[in-house]
Amino acid sequence: LYSVEQVADRLGLHVRTIRNYVRDGRLKAVRIGKQ
């Protein structure tokens, strides 16, 4: 499992962009606590 920060770093994107992808359903993720 990767954190949003790790994925953003791997893809060269901003953390907010990755979070938006997750919220929009474009990138599948699991919410654990607040992350």
PDB file of all heavy atoms in Angstrom:
ATOM      1  N   LEU A   1       0.833  -1.189   0.000  1.00  0.00           N
ATOM      2  CA  LEU A   1       0.000   0.000   0.000  1.00  0.00           C
ATOM      3  C   LEU A   1       0.871   1.243   0.000  1.00  0.00           C
ATOM      4  O   LEU A   1       1.918   1.276   0.637  1.00  0.00           O
ATOM      5  CB  LEU A   1      -0.904   0.022   1.240  1.00  0.00           C
ATOM      6  CG  LEU A   1      -1.923  -1.098   1.372  1.00  0.00           C
ATOM      7  CD1 LEU A   1      -2.639  -1.007   2.711  1.00  0.00           C
ATOM      8  CD2 LEU A   1      -2.918  -1.040   0.231  1.00  0.00           C
ATOM      9  N   TYR A   2       0.410   2.272  -0.717  1.00  0.00           N
ATOM     10  CA  TYR A   2       1.118   3.543  -0.786  1.00  0.00           C
ATOM     11  C   TYR A   2       0.251   4.645  -0.201  1.00  0.00           C
ATOM     12  O   TYR A   2      -0.970   4.625  -0.321  1.00  0.00           O
ATOM     13  CB  TYR A   2       1.445   3.910  -2.239  1.00  0.00           C
ATOM     14  CG  TYR A   2       2.322   2.918  -2.957  1.00  0.00           C
ATOM     15  CD1 TYR A   2       1.830   2.186  -4.026  1.00  0.00           C
ATOM     16  CD2 TYR A   2       3.634   2.721  -2.573  1.00  0.00           C
ATOM     17  CE1 TYR A   2       2.628   1.284  -4.697  1.00  0.00           C
ATOM     18  CE2 TYR A   2       4.442   1.817  -3.242  1.00  0.00           C
ATOM     19  CZ  TYR A   2       3.938   1.108  -4.297  1.00  0.00           C
ATOM     20  OH  TYR A   2       4.733   0.215  -4.968  1.00  0.00           O
ATOM     21  N   SER A   3       0.904   5.629   0.388  1.00  0.00           N
ATOM     22  CA  SER A   3       0.186   6.814   0.849  1.00  0.00           C
ATOM     23  C   SER A   3      -0.039   7.741  -0.338  1.00  0.00           C
ATOM     24  O   SER A   3       0.576   7.585  -1.403  1.00  0.00           O
ATOM     25  CB  SER A   3       0.992   7.545   1.922  1.00  0.00           C
ATOM     26  OG  SER A   3       2.155   8.117   1.353  1.00  0.00           O
ATOM     27  N   VAL A   4      -0.900   8.717  -0.172  1.00  0.00           N
ATOM     28  CA  VAL A   4      -1.156   9.704  -1.220  1.00  0.00           C
ATOM     29  C   VAL A   4       0.142  10.436  -1.557  1.00  0.00           C
ATOM     30  O   VAL A   4       0.438  10.697  -2.723  1.00  0.00           O
ATOM     31  CB  VAL A   4      -2.260  10.689  -0.765  1.00  0.00           C
ATOM     32  CG1 VAL A   4      -2.390  11.851  -1.723  1.00  0.00           C
ATOM     33  CG2 VAL A   4      -3.577   9.965  -0.623  1.00  0.00           C
ATOM     34  N   GLU A   5       0.937  10.746  -0.539  1.00  0.00           N
ATOM     35  CA  GLU A   5       2.207  11.440  -0.748  1.00  0.00           C
ATOM     36  C   GLU A   5       3.174  10.596  -1.572  1.00  0.00           C
ATOM     37  O   GLU A   5       3.857  11.113  -2.466  1.00  0.00           O
ATOM     38  CB  GLU A   5       2.846  11.811   0.601  1.00  0.00           C
ATOM     39  CG  GLU A   5       2.087  12.867   1.376  1.00  0.00           C
ATOM     40  CD  GLU A   5       0.861  12.324   2.133  1.00  0.00           C
ATOM     41  OE1 GLU A   5       0.701  11.084   2.249  1.00  0.00           O
ATOM     42  OE2 GLU A   5       0.050  13.156   2.576  1.00  0.00           O
ATOM     43  N   GLN A   6       3.239   9.302  -1.298  1.00  0.00           N
ATOM     44  CA  GLN A   6       4.126   8.422  -2.055  1.00  0.00           C
ATOM     45  C   GLN A   6       3.692   8.321  -3.518  1.00  0.00           C
ATOM     46  O   GLN A   6       4.529   8.340  -4.420  1.00  0.00           O
ATOM     47  CB  GLN A   6       4.153   7.024  -1.427  1.00  0.00           C
ATOM     48  CG  GLN A   6       4.880   6.967  -0.101  1.00  0.00           C
ATOM     49  CD  GLN A   6       4.716   5.623   0.580  1.00  0.00           C
ATOM     50  OE1 GLN A   6       3.620   5.055   0.616  1.00  0.00           O
ATOM     51  NE2 GLN A   6       5.807   5.116   1.135  1.00  0.00           N
ATOM     52  N   VAL A   7       2.392   8.221  -3.750  1.00  0.00           N
ATOM     53  CA  VAL A   7       1.882   8.144  -5.121  1.00  0.00           C
ATOM     54  C   VAL A   7       2.167   9.455  -5.857  1.00  0.00           C
ATOM     55  O   VAL A   7       2.604   9.450  -7.009  1.00  0.00           O
ATOM     56  CB  VAL A   7       0.370   7.808  -5.130  1.00  0.00           C
ATOM     57  CG1 VAL A   7      -0.218   7.940  -6.524  1.00  0.00           C
ATOM     58  CG2 VAL A   7       0.146   6.403  -4.586  1.00  0.00           C
ATOM     59  N   ALA A   8       1.939  10.586  -5.184  1.00  0.00           N
ATOM     60  CA  ALA A   8       2.219  11.881  -5.801  1.00  0.00           C
ATOM     61  C   ALA A   8       3.691  11.985  -6.175  1.00  0.00           C
ATOM     62  O   ALA A   8       4.037  12.453  -7.270  1.00  0.00           O
ATOM     63  CB  ALA A   8       1.825  13.014  -4.842  1.00  0.00           C
ATOM     64  N   ASP A   9       4.568  11.523  -5.288  1.00  0.00           N
ATOM     65  CA  ASP A   9       6.002  11.564  -5.565  1.00  0.00           C
ATOM     66  C   ASP A   9       6.362  10.668  -6.739  1.00  0.00           C
ATOM     67  O   ASP A   9       7.120  11.055  -7.624  1.00  0.00           O
ATOM     68  CB  ASP A   9       6.772  11.145  -4.310  1.00  0.00           C
ATOM     69  CG  ASP A   9       8.266  11.294  -4.482  1.00  0.00           C
ATOM     70  OD1 ASP A   9       8.704  12.402  -4.885  1.00  0.00           O
ATOM     71  OD2 ASP A   9       8.998  10.316  -4.228  1.00  0.00           O
ATOM     72  N   ARG A  10       5.802   9.472  -6.779  1.00  0.00           N
ATOM     73  CA  ARG A  10       6.094   8.533  -7.877  1.00  0.00           C
ATOM     74  C   ARG A  10       5.625   9.062  -9.228  1.00  0.00           C
ATOM     75  O   ARG A  10       6.269   8.844 -10.246  1.00  0.00           O
ATOM     76  CB  ARG A  10       5.422   7.183  -7.626  1.00  0.00           C
ATOM     77  CG  ARG A  10       6.105   6.346  -6.600  1.00  0.00           C
ATOM     78  CD  ARG A  10       5.338   5.041  -6.407  1.00  0.00           C
ATOM     79  NE  ARG A  10       5.947   4.263  -5.368  1.00  0.00           N
ATOM     80  CZ  ARG A  10       6.830   3.290  -5.601  1.00  0.00           C
ATOM     81  NH1 ARG A  10       7.173   2.996  -6.809  1.00  0.00           N
ATOM     82  NH2 ARG A  10       7.345   2.625  -4.600  1.00  0.00           N
ATOM     83  N   LEU A  11       4.467   9.746  -9.234  1.00  0.00           N
ATOM     84  CA  LEU A  11       3.905  10.227 -10.498  1.00  0.00           C
ATOM     85  C   LEU A  11       4.329  11.646 -10.834  1.00  0.00           C
ATOM     86  O   LEU A  11       4.006  12.149 -11.912  1.00  0.00           O
ATOM     87  CB  LEU A  11       2.371  10.146 -10.452  1.00  0.00           C
ATOM     88  CG  LEU A  11       1.774   8.745 -10.256  1.00  0.00           C
ATOM     89  CD1 LEU A  11       0.267   8.813 -10.208  1.00  0.00           C
ATOM     90  CD2 LEU A  11       2.249   7.798 -11.338  1.00  0.00           C
ATOM     91  N   GLY A  12       5.009  12.309  -9.910  1.00  0.00           N
ATOM     92  CA  GLY A  12       5.434  13.675 -10.162  1.00  0.00           C
ATOM     93  C   GLY A  12       4.273  14.655 -10.168  1.00  0.00           C
ATOM     94  O   GLY A  12       4.280  15.633 -10.907  1.00  0.00           O
ATOM     95  N   LEU A  13       3.276  14.377  -9.346  1.00  0.00           N
ATOM     96  CA  LEU A  13       2.089  15.219  -9.271  1.00  0.00           C
ATOM     97  C   LEU A  13       1.952  15.784  -7.866  1.00  0.00           C
ATOM     98  O   LEU A  13       2.608  15.330  -6.927  1.00  0.00           O
ATOM     99  CB  LEU A  13       0.835  14.410  -9.616  1.00  0.00           C
ATOM    100  CG  LEU A  13       0.764  13.856 -11.033  1.00  0.00           C
ATOM    101  CD1 LEU A  13      -0.426  12.918 -11.166  1.00  0.00           C
ATOM    102  CD2 LEU A  13       0.681  14.972 -12.036  1.00  0.00           C
ATOM    103  N   HIS A  14       1.090  16.765  -7.725  1.00  0.00           N
ATOM    104  CA  HIS A  14       0.836  17.364  -6.424  1.00  0.00           C
ATOM    105  C   HIS A  14      -0.075  16.440  -5.615  1.00  0.00           C
ATOM    106  O   HIS A  14      -0.902  15.715  -6.176  1.00  0.00           O
ATOM    107  CB  HIS A  14       0.165  18.731  -6.599  1.00  0.00           C
ATOM    108  CG  HIS A  14       0.221  19.569  -5.361  1.00  0.00           C
ATOM    109  ND1 HIS A  14      -0.694  19.435  -4.356  1.00  0.00           N
ATOM    110  CD2 HIS A  14       1.095  20.525  -4.978  1.00  0.00           C
ATOM    111  CE1 HIS A  14      -0.397  20.287  -3.389  1.00  0.00           C
ATOM    112  NE2 HIS A  14       0.689  20.954  -3.739  1.00  0.00           N
ATOM    113  N   VAL A  15       0.076  16.460  -4.300  1.00  0.00           N
ATOM    114  CA  VAL A  15      -0.718  15.620  -3.410  1.00  0.00           C
ATOM    115  C   VAL A  15      -2.214  15.899  -3.594  1.00  0.00           C
ATOM    116  O   VAL A  15      -3.029  14.969  -3.620  1.00  0.00           O
ATOM    117  CB  VAL A  15      -0.294  15.862  -1.936  1.00  0.00           C
ATOM    118  CG1 VAL A  15      -1.209  15.133  -0.980  1.00  0.00           C
ATOM    119  CG2 VAL A  15       1.140  15.424  -1.733  1.00  0.00           C
ATOM    120  N   ARG A  16      -2.581  17.172  -3.767  1.00  0.00           N
ATOM    121  CA  ARG A  16      -4.001  17.510  -3.963  1.00  0.00           C
ATOM    122  C   ARG A  16      -4.552  16.877  -5.236  1.00  0.00           C
ATOM    123  O   ARG A  16      -5.714  16.483  -5.279  1.00  0.00           O
ATOM    124  CB  ARG A  16      -4.185  19.022  -4.005  1.00  0.00           C
ATOM    125  CG  ARG A  16      -4.309  19.612  -2.603  1.00  0.00           C
ATOM    126  CD  ARG A  16      -4.621  21.065  -2.686  1.00  0.00           C
ATOM    127  NE  ARG A  16      -3.331  21.756  -2.769  1.00  0.00           N
ATOM    128  CZ  ARG A  16      -3.132  22.986  -3.167  1.00  0.00           C
ATOM    129  NH1 ARG A  16      -4.138  23.726  -3.545  1.00  0.00           N
ATOM    130  NH2 ARG A  16      -1.940  23.510  -3.187  1.00  0.00           N
ATOM    131  N   THR A  17      -3.731  16.791  -6.270  1.00  0.00           N
ATOM    132  CA  THR A  17      -4.178  16.166  -7.517  1.00  0.00           C
ATOM    133  C   THR A  17      -4.513  14.697  -7.283  1.00  0.00           C
ATOM    134  O   THR A  17      -5.552  14.211  -7.738  1.00  0.00           O
ATOM    135  CB  THR A  17      -3.086  16.297  -8.593  1.00  0.00           C
ATOM    136  OG1 THR A  17      -2.760  17.667  -8.769  1.00  0.00           O
ATOM    137  CG2 THR A  17      -3.534  15.689  -9.908  1.00  0.00           C
ATOM    138  N   ILE A  18      -3.665  13.999  -6.539  1.00  0.00           N
ATOM    139  CA  ILE A  18      -3.912  12.587  -6.239  1.00  0.00           C
ATOM    140  C   ILE A  18      -5.175  12.442  -5.400  1.00  0.00           C
ATOM    141  O   ILE A  18      -6.016  11.581  -5.656  1.00  0.00           O
ATOM    142  CB  ILE A  18      -2.699  11.952  -5.528  1.00  0.00           C
ATOM    143  CG1 ILE A  18      -1.443  12.045  -6.408  1.00  0.00           C
ATOM    144  CG2 ILE A  18      -2.994  10.510  -5.141  1.00  0.00           C
ATOM    145  CD1 ILE A  18      -1.556  11.367  -7.750  1.00  0.00           C
ATOM    146  N   ARG A  19      -5.338  13.304  -4.395  1.00  0.00           N
ATOM    147  CA  ARG A  19      -6.556  13.243  -3.568  1.00  0.00           C
ATOM    148  C   ARG A  19      -7.805  13.480  -4.416  1.00  0.00           C
ATOM    149  O   ARG A  19      -8.834  12.823  -4.222  1.00  0.00           O
ATOM    150  CB  ARG A  19      -6.487  14.270  -2.443  1.00  0.00           C
ATOM    151  CG  ARG A  19      -5.588  13.847  -1.315  1.00  0.00           C
ATOM    152  CD  ARG A  19      -5.755  14.750  -0.094  1.00  0.00           C
ATOM    153  NE  ARG A  19      -4.735  14.435   0.873  1.00  0.00           N
ATOM    154  CZ  ARG A  19      -3.743  15.255   1.225  1.00  0.00           C
ATOM    155  NH1 ARG A  19      -3.669  16.465   0.706  1.00  0.00           N
ATOM    156  NH2 ARG A  19      -2.856  14.885   2.109  1.00  0.00           N
ATOM    157  N   ASN A  20      -7.720  14.419  -5.354  1.00  0.00           N
ATOM    158  CA  ASN A  20      -8.863  14.667  -6.242  1.00  0.00           C
ATOM    159  C   ASN A  20      -9.162  13.449  -7.104  1.00  0.00           C
ATOM    160  O   ASN A  20     -10.327  13.115  -7.330  1.00  0.00           O
ATOM    161  CB  ASN A  20      -8.614  15.898  -7.108  1.00  0.00           C
ATOM    162  CG  ASN A  20      -8.698  17.182  -6.323  1.00  0.00           C
ATOM    163  OD1 ASN A  20      -9.319  17.242  -5.275  1.00  0.00           O
ATOM    164  ND2 ASN A  20      -8.056  18.224  -6.825  1.00  0.00           N
ATOM    165  N   TYR A  21      -8.113  12.784  -7.612  1.00  0.00           N
ATOM    166  CA  TYR A  21      -8.316  11.561  -8.393  1.00  0.00           C
ATOM    167  C   TYR A  21      -9.040  10.502  -7.551  1.00  0.00           C
ATOM    168  O   TYR A  21      -9.920   9.816  -8.038  1.00  0.00           O
ATOM    169  CB  TYR A  21      -6.991  10.997  -8.891  1.00  0.00           C
ATOM    170  CG  TYR A  21      -6.328  11.783  -9.989  1.00  0.00           C
ATOM    171  CD1 TYR A  21      -4.958  11.650 -10.236  1.00  0.00           C
ATOM    172  CD2 TYR A  21      -7.029  12.663 -10.806  1.00  0.00           C
ATOM    173  CE1 TYR A  21      -4.334  12.359 -11.243  1.00  0.00           C
ATOM    174  CE2 TYR A  21      -6.417  13.370 -11.811  1.00  0.00           C
ATOM    175  CZ  TYR A  21      -5.064  13.214 -12.028  1.00  0.00           C
ATOM    176  OH  TYR A  21      -4.445  13.911 -13.028  1.00  0.00           O
ATOM    177  N   VAL A  22      -8.640  10.394  -6.288  1.00  0.00           N
ATOM    178  CA  VAL A  22      -9.277   9.410  -5.392  1.00  0.00           C
ATOM    179  C   VAL A  22     -10.737   9.790  -5.145  1.00  0.00           C
ATOM    180  O   VAL A  22     -11.629   8.958  -5.265  1.00  0.00           O
ATOM    181  CB  VAL A  22      -8.490   9.304  -4.067  1.00  0.00           C
ATOM    182  CG1 VAL A  22      -9.268   8.490  -3.047  1.00  0.00           C
ATOM    183  CG2 VAL A  22      -7.106   8.695  -4.309  1.00  0.00           C
ATOM    184  N   ARG A  23     -10.979  11.044  -4.819  1.00  0.00           N
ATOM    185  CA  ARG A  23     -12.348  11.488  -4.533  1.00  0.00           C
ATOM    186  C   ARG A  23     -13.253  11.367  -5.743  1.00  0.00           C
ATOM    187  O   ARG A  23     -14.448  11.091  -5.614  1.00  0.00           O
ATOM    188  CB  ARG A  23     -12.333  12.931  -4.031  1.00  0.00           C
ATOM    189  CG  ARG A  23     -11.777  13.046  -2.631  1.00  0.00           C
ATOM    190  CD  ARG A  23     -11.840  14.466  -2.109  1.00  0.00           C
ATOM    191  NE  ARG A  23     -11.118  14.547  -0.859  1.00  0.00           N
ATOM    192  CZ  ARG A  23     -10.126  15.384  -0.626  1.00  0.00           C
ATOM    193  NH1 ARG A  23      -9.735  16.249  -1.536  1.00  0.00           N
ATOM    194  NH2 ARG A  23      -9.520  15.390   0.543  1.00  0.00           N
ATOM    195  N   ASP A  24     -12.692  11.606  -6.960  1.00  0.00           N
ATOM    196  CA  ASP A  24     -13.474  11.502  -8.188  1.00  0.00           C
ATOM    197  C   ASP A  24     -13.686  10.061  -8.625  1.00  0.00           C
ATOM    198  O   ASP A  24     -14.412   9.804  -9.576  1.00  0.00           O
ATOM    199  CB  ASP A  24     -12.793  12.261  -9.329  1.00  0.00           C
ATOM    200  CG  ASP A  24     -12.755  13.760  -9.091  1.00  0.00           C
ATOM    201  OD1 ASP A  24     -13.496  14.250  -8.229  1.00  0.00           O
ATOM    202  OD2 ASP A  24     -11.960  14.434  -9.787  1.00  0.00           O
ATOM    203  N   GLY A  25     -13.001   9.125  -7.960  1.00  0.00           N
ATOM    204  CA  GLY A  25     -13.126   7.718  -8.324  1.00  0.00           C
ATOM    205  C   GLY A  25     -12.225   7.298  -9.467  1.00  0.00           C
ATOM    206  O   GLY A  25     -12.325   6.179  -9.955  1.00  0.00           O
ATOM    207  N   ARG A  26     -11.335   8.182  -9.906  1.00  0.00           N
ATOM    208  CA  ARG A  26     -10.419   7.841 -11.007  1.00  0.00           C
ATOM    209  C   ARG A  26      -9.293   6.940 -10.530  1.00  0.00           C
ATOM    210  O   ARG A  26      -8.746   6.156 -11.307  1.00  0.00           O
ATOM    211  CB  ARG A  26      -9.844   9.116 -11.623  1.00  0.00           C
ATOM    212  CG  ARG A  26     -10.913   9.946 -12.320  1.00  0.00           C
ATOM    213  CD  ARG A  26     -10.446  11.313 -12.705  1.00  0.00           C
ATOM    214  NE  ARG A  26      -9.358  11.298 -13.651  1.00  0.00           N
ATOM    215  CZ  ARG A  26      -8.742  12.385 -14.077  1.00  0.00           C
ATOM    216  NH1 ARG A  26      -9.114  13.572 -13.652  1.00  0.00           N
ATOM    217  NH2 ARG A  26      -7.756  12.294 -14.939  1.00  0.00           N
ATOM    218  N   LEU A  27      -8.931   7.049  -9.252  1.00  0.00           N
ATOM    219  CA  LEU A  27      -7.890   6.219  -8.647  1.00  0.00           C
ATOM    220  C   LEU A  27      -8.496   5.531  -7.434  1.00  0.00           C
ATOM    221  O   LEU A  27      -8.971   6.184  -6.506  1.00  0.00           O
ATOM    222  CB  LEU A  27      -6.691   7.082  -8.236  1.00  0.00           C
ATOM    223  CG  LEU A  27      -5.556   6.399  -7.482  1.00  0.00           C
ATOM    224  CD1 LEU A  27      -4.965   5.255  -8.310  1.00  0.00           C
ATOM    225  CD2 LEU A  27      -4.470   7.404  -7.136  1.00  0.00           C
ATOM    226  N   LYS A  28      -8.496   4.201  -7.454  1.00  0.00           N
ATOM    227  CA  LYS A  28      -9.090   3.432  -6.365  1.00  0.00           C
ATOM    228  C   LYS A  28      -8.189   3.518  -5.139  1.00  0.00           C
ATOM    229  O   LYS A  28      -6.971   3.381  -5.233  1.00  0.00           O
ATOM    230  CB  LYS A  28      -9.260   1.988  -6.807  1.00  0.00           C
ATOM    231  CG  LYS A  28     -10.045   1.152  -5.834  1.00  0.00           C
ATOM    232  CD  LYS A  28     -10.269  -0.232  -6.395  1.00  0.00           C
ATOM    233  CE  LYS A  28     -10.948  -1.102  -5.364  1.00  0.00           C
ATOM    234  NZ  LYS A  28     -11.022  -2.478  -5.813  1.00  0.00           N
ATOM    235  N   ALA A  29      -8.801   3.749  -3.974  1.00  0.00           N
ATOM    236  CA  ALA A  29      -8.060   3.842  -2.722  1.00  0.00           C
ATOM    237  C   ALA A  29      -8.942   3.383  -1.581  1.00  0.00           C
ATOM    238  O   ALA A  29     -10.168   3.326  -1.697  1.00  0.00           O
ATOM    239  CB  ALA A  29      -7.591   5.276  -2.484  1.00  0.00           C
ATOM    240  N   VAL A  30      -8.289   3.078  -0.472  1.00  0.00           N
ATOM    241  CA  VAL A  30      -8.985   2.672   0.742  1.00  0.00           C
ATOM    242  C   VAL A  30      -8.716   3.728   1.796  1.00  0.00           C
ATOM    243  O   VAL A  30      -7.583   4.192   1.951  1.00  0.00           O
ATOM    244  CB  VAL A  30      -8.458   1.298   1.230  1.00  0.00           C
ATOM    245  CG1 VAL A  30      -9.088   0.911   2.544  1.00  0.00           C
ATOM    246  CG2 VAL A  30      -8.683   0.240   0.186  1.00  0.00           C
ATOM    247  N   ARG A  31      -9.762   4.108   2.500  1.00  0.00           N
ATOM    248  CA  ARG A  31      -9.595   5.099   3.564  1.00  0.00           C
ATOM    249  C   ARG A  31      -9.330   4.360   4.865  1.00  0.00           C
ATOM    250  O   ARG A  31     -10.134   3.541   5.302  1.00  0.00           O
ATOM    251  CB  ARG A  31     -10.833   5.977   3.667  1.00  0.00           C
ATOM    252  CG  ARG A  31     -10.615   7.162   4.568  1.00  0.00           C
ATOM    253  CD  ARG A  31     -11.800   8.114   4.436  1.00  0.00           C
ATOM    254  NE  ARG A  31     -11.627   9.214   5.339  1.00  0.00           N
ATOM    255  CZ  ARG A  31     -11.294  10.445   4.961  1.00  0.00           C
ATOM    256  NH1 ARG A  31     -11.134  10.693   3.686  1.00  0.00           N
ATOM    257  NH2 ARG A  31     -11.143  11.390   5.833  1.00  0.00           N
ATOM    258  N   ILE A  32      -8.190   4.671   5.478  1.00  0.00           N
ATOM    259  CA  ILE A  32      -7.828   4.098   6.764  1.00  0.00           C
ATOM    260  C   ILE A  32      -7.684   5.268   7.733  1.00  0.00           C
ATOM    261  O   ILE A  32      -6.751   6.052   7.614  1.00  0.00           O
ATOM    262  CB  ILE A  32      -6.520   3.283   6.676  1.00  0.00           C
ATOM    263  CG1 ILE A  32      -6.685   2.148   5.667  1.00  0.00           C
ATOM    264  CG2 ILE A  32      -6.135   2.757   8.050  1.00  0.00           C
ATOM    265  CD1 ILE A  32      -5.425   1.377   5.383  1.00  0.00           C
ATOM    266  N   GLY A  33      -8.627   5.376   8.642  1.00  0.00           N
ATOM    267  CA  GLY A  33      -8.637   6.537   9.526  1.00  0.00           C
ATOM    268  C   GLY A  33      -8.931   7.782   8.713  1.00  0.00           C
ATOM    269  O   GLY A  33      -9.924   7.864   8.018  1.00  0.00           O
ATOM    270  N   LYS A  34      -8.029   8.750   8.779  1.00  0.00           N
ATOM    271  CA  LYS A  34      -8.195   9.991   8.021  1.00  0.00           C
ATOM    272  C   LYS A  34      -7.362  10.001   6.752  1.00  0.00           C
ATOM    273  O   LYS A  34      -7.285  11.010   6.074  1.00  0.00           O
ATOM    274  CB  LYS A  34      -7.803  11.185   8.889  1.00  0.00           C
ATOM    275  CG  LYS A  34      -8.732  11.423  10.054  1.00  0.00           C
ATOM    276  CD  LYS A  34      -8.345  12.672  10.794  1.00  0.00           C
ATOM    277  CE  LYS A  34      -9.306  12.951  11.927  1.00  0.00           C
ATOM    278  NZ  LYS A  34      -8.969  14.186  12.629  1.00  0.00           N
ATOM    279  N   GLN A  35      -6.707   8.893   6.427  1.00  0.00           N
ATOM    280  CA  GLN A  35      -5.795   8.876   5.286  1.00  0.00           C
ATOM    281  C   GLN A  35      -6.210   7.831   4.265  1.00  0.00           C
ATOM    282  O   GLN A  35      -6.831   6.826   4.599  1.00  0.00           O
ATOM    283  CB  GLN A  35      -4.381   8.588   5.775  1.00  0.00           C
ATOM    284  CG  GLN A  35      -3.927   9.573   6.815  1.00  0.00           C
ATOM    285  CD  GLN A  35      -2.447   9.817   6.744  1.00  0.00           C
ATOM    286  OE1 GLN A  35      -1.739   9.141   6.038  1.00  0.00           O
ATOM    287  NE2 GLN A  35      -1.998  10.794   7.487  1.00  0.00           N
TER     288      GLN A  35
END
